[in-house]
Protein backbone atom coordinates (compact mmCIF):
# COMPACT_ATOMS: atom_id res chain seq x y z
CA MET A 1 0.01 -0.07 0.03
CA ARG A 2 2.89 2.36 0.82
CA ARG A 3 4.34 1.92 -2.72
CA VAL A 4 1.04 2.88 -4.34
CA SER A 5 0.81 6.00 -2.11
CA ARG A 6 4.22 7.17 -3.19
CA ILE A 7 3.49 6.49 -6.77
CA ALA A 8 0.21 8.48 -6.47
CA VAL A 9 1.96 11.29 -4.74
CA ALA A 10 4.74 11.51 -7.34
CA GLY A 11 2.19 11.37 -10.13
CA VAL A 12 0.10 14.00 -8.79
CA ALA A 13 3.02 16.19 -8.08
CA THR A 14 4.42 15.64 -11.58
CA ALA A 15 1.10 16.47 -13.33
CA SER A 16 0.56 19.46 -11.27
CA LEU A 17 3.99 20.70 -11.94
CA ALA A 18 3.61 20.09 -15.68
CA VAL A 19 0.30 22.01 -15.68
CA ALA A 20 1.79 24.82 -13.70
CA LEU A 21 4.89 25.00 -16.04
CA SER A 22 2.60 25.04 -19.11
CA ALA A 23 0.60 27.79 -17.72
CA CYS A 24 3.58 29.95 -17.10
CA GLY A 25 5.97 28.76 -19.83
CA GLY A 26 4.50 30.57 -22.87
CA SER A 27 5.42 34.00 -21.62
CA SER A 28 8.09 35.84 -23.64
CA THR A 29 8.78 38.51 -21.12
CA SER A 30 12.26 39.25 -19.81
CA ALA A 31 13.84 40.26 -16.59
CA SER A 32 13.88 43.85 -15.82
CA SER A 33 17.62 43.92 -15.24
CA GLY A 34 19.47 42.84 -18.31
CA GLY A 35 17.47 39.86 -19.29
CA SER A 36 17.18 38.87 -22.88
CA ALA A 37 14.05 39.64 -24.79
CA LYS A 38 13.24 36.00 -25.43
CA THR A 39 12.73 33.50 -22.67
CA LYS A 40 14.94 30.49 -22.56
CA GLY A 41 12.38 28.25 -21.01
CA ILE A 42 12.12 26.91 -17.39
CA GLY A 43 14.55 27.62 -14.74
CA LEU A 44 14.40 24.93 -12.12
CA ALA A 45 16.36 25.08 -8.84
CA TYR A 46 16.37 21.81 -6.74
CA ASP A 47 16.10 21.60 -3.00
CA ILE A 48 18.67 19.81 -0.77
CA GLY A 49 19.00 16.23 -2.14
CA GLY A 50 18.87 17.22 -5.73
CA LYS A 51 17.79 14.72 -8.42
CA GLY A 52 17.52 11.11 -7.16
CA ASP A 53 15.96 11.94 -3.76
CA GLN A 54 12.79 9.88 -4.57
CA SER A 55 10.69 12.94 -3.52
CA PHE A 56 9.81 16.51 -4.44
CA ASN A 57 13.08 16.93 -6.52
CA ASP A 58 12.40 13.81 -8.49
CA ALA A 59 8.93 14.76 -9.24
CA ALA A 60 9.89 18.27 -10.29
CA TYR A 61 12.50 16.70 -12.53
CA ALA A 62 9.77 14.39 -14.05
CA GLY A 63 7.69 17.38 -14.69
CA PHE A 64 10.54 19.29 -16.10
CA GLN A 65 11.25 16.35 -18.54
CA LYS A 66 7.52 16.09 -19.47
CA ALA A 67 7.50 19.75 -20.29
CA GLU A 68 10.55 19.30 -22.59
CA THR A 69 9.02 16.26 -24.40
CA ASP A 70 5.29 17.00 -24.47
CA LEU A 71 5.21 20.76 -24.49
CA LYS A 72 8.52 21.42 -26.20
CA ILE A 73 9.60 23.84 -23.49
CA SER A 74 13.32 23.70 -22.82
CA GLY A 75 15.12 24.92 -19.75
CA ARG A 76 17.85 24.52 -17.26
CA ASP A 77 18.00 22.77 -13.92
CA ILE A 78 20.51 23.33 -11.12
CA GLU A 79 21.35 21.23 -8.24
CA PRO A 80 22.31 22.53 -4.76
CA GLN A 81 25.64 21.95 -3.03
CA ASP A 82 26.01 20.62 0.56
CA GLY A 83 25.93 23.06 3.27
CA GLU A 84 24.83 26.09 1.16
CA SER A 85 23.43 29.31 2.54
CA ASP A 86 20.37 31.35 1.71
CA ALA A 87 22.57 33.62 -0.27
CA ASP A 88 23.55 30.69 -2.60
CA LYS A 89 19.91 30.12 -3.20
CA VAL A 90 19.43 33.92 -4.03
CA GLN A 91 22.43 33.70 -6.38
CA ARG A 92 21.03 30.59 -8.12
CA LEU A 93 17.72 32.17 -8.78
CA GLU A 94 19.21 35.47 -9.88
CA GLN A 95 21.40 33.58 -12.30
CA LEU A 96 18.41 31.80 -13.82
CA ALA A 97 16.40 34.94 -14.03
CA LYS A 98 19.18 36.97 -15.37
CA SER A 99 19.90 34.42 -18.01
CA GLY A 100 16.28 34.75 -19.41
CA TYR A 101 14.74 31.58 -18.00
CA ASN A 102 10.89 32.11 -17.24
CA PRO A 103 9.43 30.77 -15.13
CA VAL A 104 11.98 30.25 -12.48
CA ILE A 105 10.93 27.69 -9.94
CA GLY A 106 12.43 26.83 -6.53
CA VAL A 107 11.79 23.32 -5.33
CA GLY A 108 10.75 23.37 -1.53
CA PHE A 109 9.82 25.79 1.09
CA VAL A 110 13.64 26.48 1.79
CA TYR A 111 13.43 28.73 -1.28
CA ALA A 112 10.79 31.02 0.12
CA PRO A 113 13.06 33.91 1.30
CA ALA A 114 15.21 33.73 -1.95
CA VAL A 115 12.06 33.72 -4.19
CA LYS A 116 10.65 36.75 -2.31
CA GLU A 117 14.00 38.65 -2.75
CA VAL A 118 14.54 37.84 -6.35
CA ALA A 119 11.13 38.14 -7.51
CA ALA A 120 11.29 41.77 -6.26
CA LYS A 121 14.17 42.43 -8.45
CA TYR A 122 12.75 40.73 -11.58
CA PRO A 123 9.04 41.71 -11.63
CA LYS A 124 8.62 40.58 -15.34
CA VAL A 125 9.79 37.02 -14.61
CA THR A 126 7.27 34.54 -13.14
CA PHE A 127 8.57 32.70 -10.05
CA GLY A 128 7.13 29.49 -8.68
CA ILE A 129 7.80 27.93 -5.16
CA ILE A 130 6.79 24.38 -4.49
CA ASP A 131 5.52 23.61 -1.03
CA ASP A 132 5.11 27.23 0.29
CA GLU A 133 2.32 29.69 0.16
CA GLN A 134 3.54 32.53 2.30
CA ASP A 135 5.13 34.72 -0.39
CA LYS A 136 2.49 36.97 -1.95
CA ALA A 137 3.41 38.88 -5.09
CA ALA A 138 1.99 39.27 -8.58
CA ASN A 139 4.91 37.33 -10.13
CA ILE A 140 5.12 34.47 -7.52
CA ALA A 141 3.06 31.27 -8.06
CA ASP A 142 2.56 29.11 -5.02
CA LEU A 143 2.62 25.42 -5.97
CA VAL A 144 1.18 23.61 -2.92
CA PHE A 145 -0.10 20.09 -3.00
CA HIS A 146 -2.79 18.51 -0.99
CA GLU A 147 -1.18 15.24 0.00
CA GLU A 148 -4.31 14.04 1.55
CA GLN A 149 -6.14 14.06 -1.66
CA SER A 150 -3.54 11.90 -3.41
CA SER A 151 -3.55 9.64 -0.46
CA TYR A 152 -7.27 9.18 -0.75
CA LEU A 153 -6.95 8.53 -4.49
CA ALA A 154 -4.24 5.85 -3.80
CA GLY A 155 -6.76 4.19 -1.44
CA VAL A 156 -9.37 4.24 -4.04
CA ALA A 157 -7.07 2.74 -6.53
CA ALA A 158 -5.90 0.02 -4.10
CA ALA A 159 -9.62 -0.84 -3.25
CA LYS A 160 -10.53 -1.06 -6.92
CA ALA A 161 -7.51 -3.35 -7.59
CA THR A 162 -8.31 -5.65 -4.63
CA LYS A 163 -9.98 -8.96 -5.75
CA LYS A 164 -10.78 -10.31 -2.20
CA ASN A 165 -11.58 -8.72 1.05
């Protein structure tokens, strides 16, 4: 049952991320401070653990790949370093925004202060933050998932797949 729940959570997270990326990805606005006139696609900054963590980062990466294959939206993803500071997160997001990536997405609530700071500097870039809804700005999209709903759906799927009581 636990395996089904993880698969359901990963599937829901991936689908939600792909929908969010497709909603934001078509914009061709640039950063207000030296960005190029044409967007380069999605900028994705992973949380601690990076790709291969079997959690949010992997779900974000799956959505990133799906956006590339299904929606033809390219981009760049950057993994964190061990023991990095909030200033490193700010620098990573600024690098993506300055390079012309739009939207720029921070995976995990640890990016909340960095997203708030960088979004103020780049008002024409859409920023997304996964698993946090505290930052309120016109160019910040909160990507918060209701885990209880995916758990419920996993239970329904398990019940439907059960042949006996």
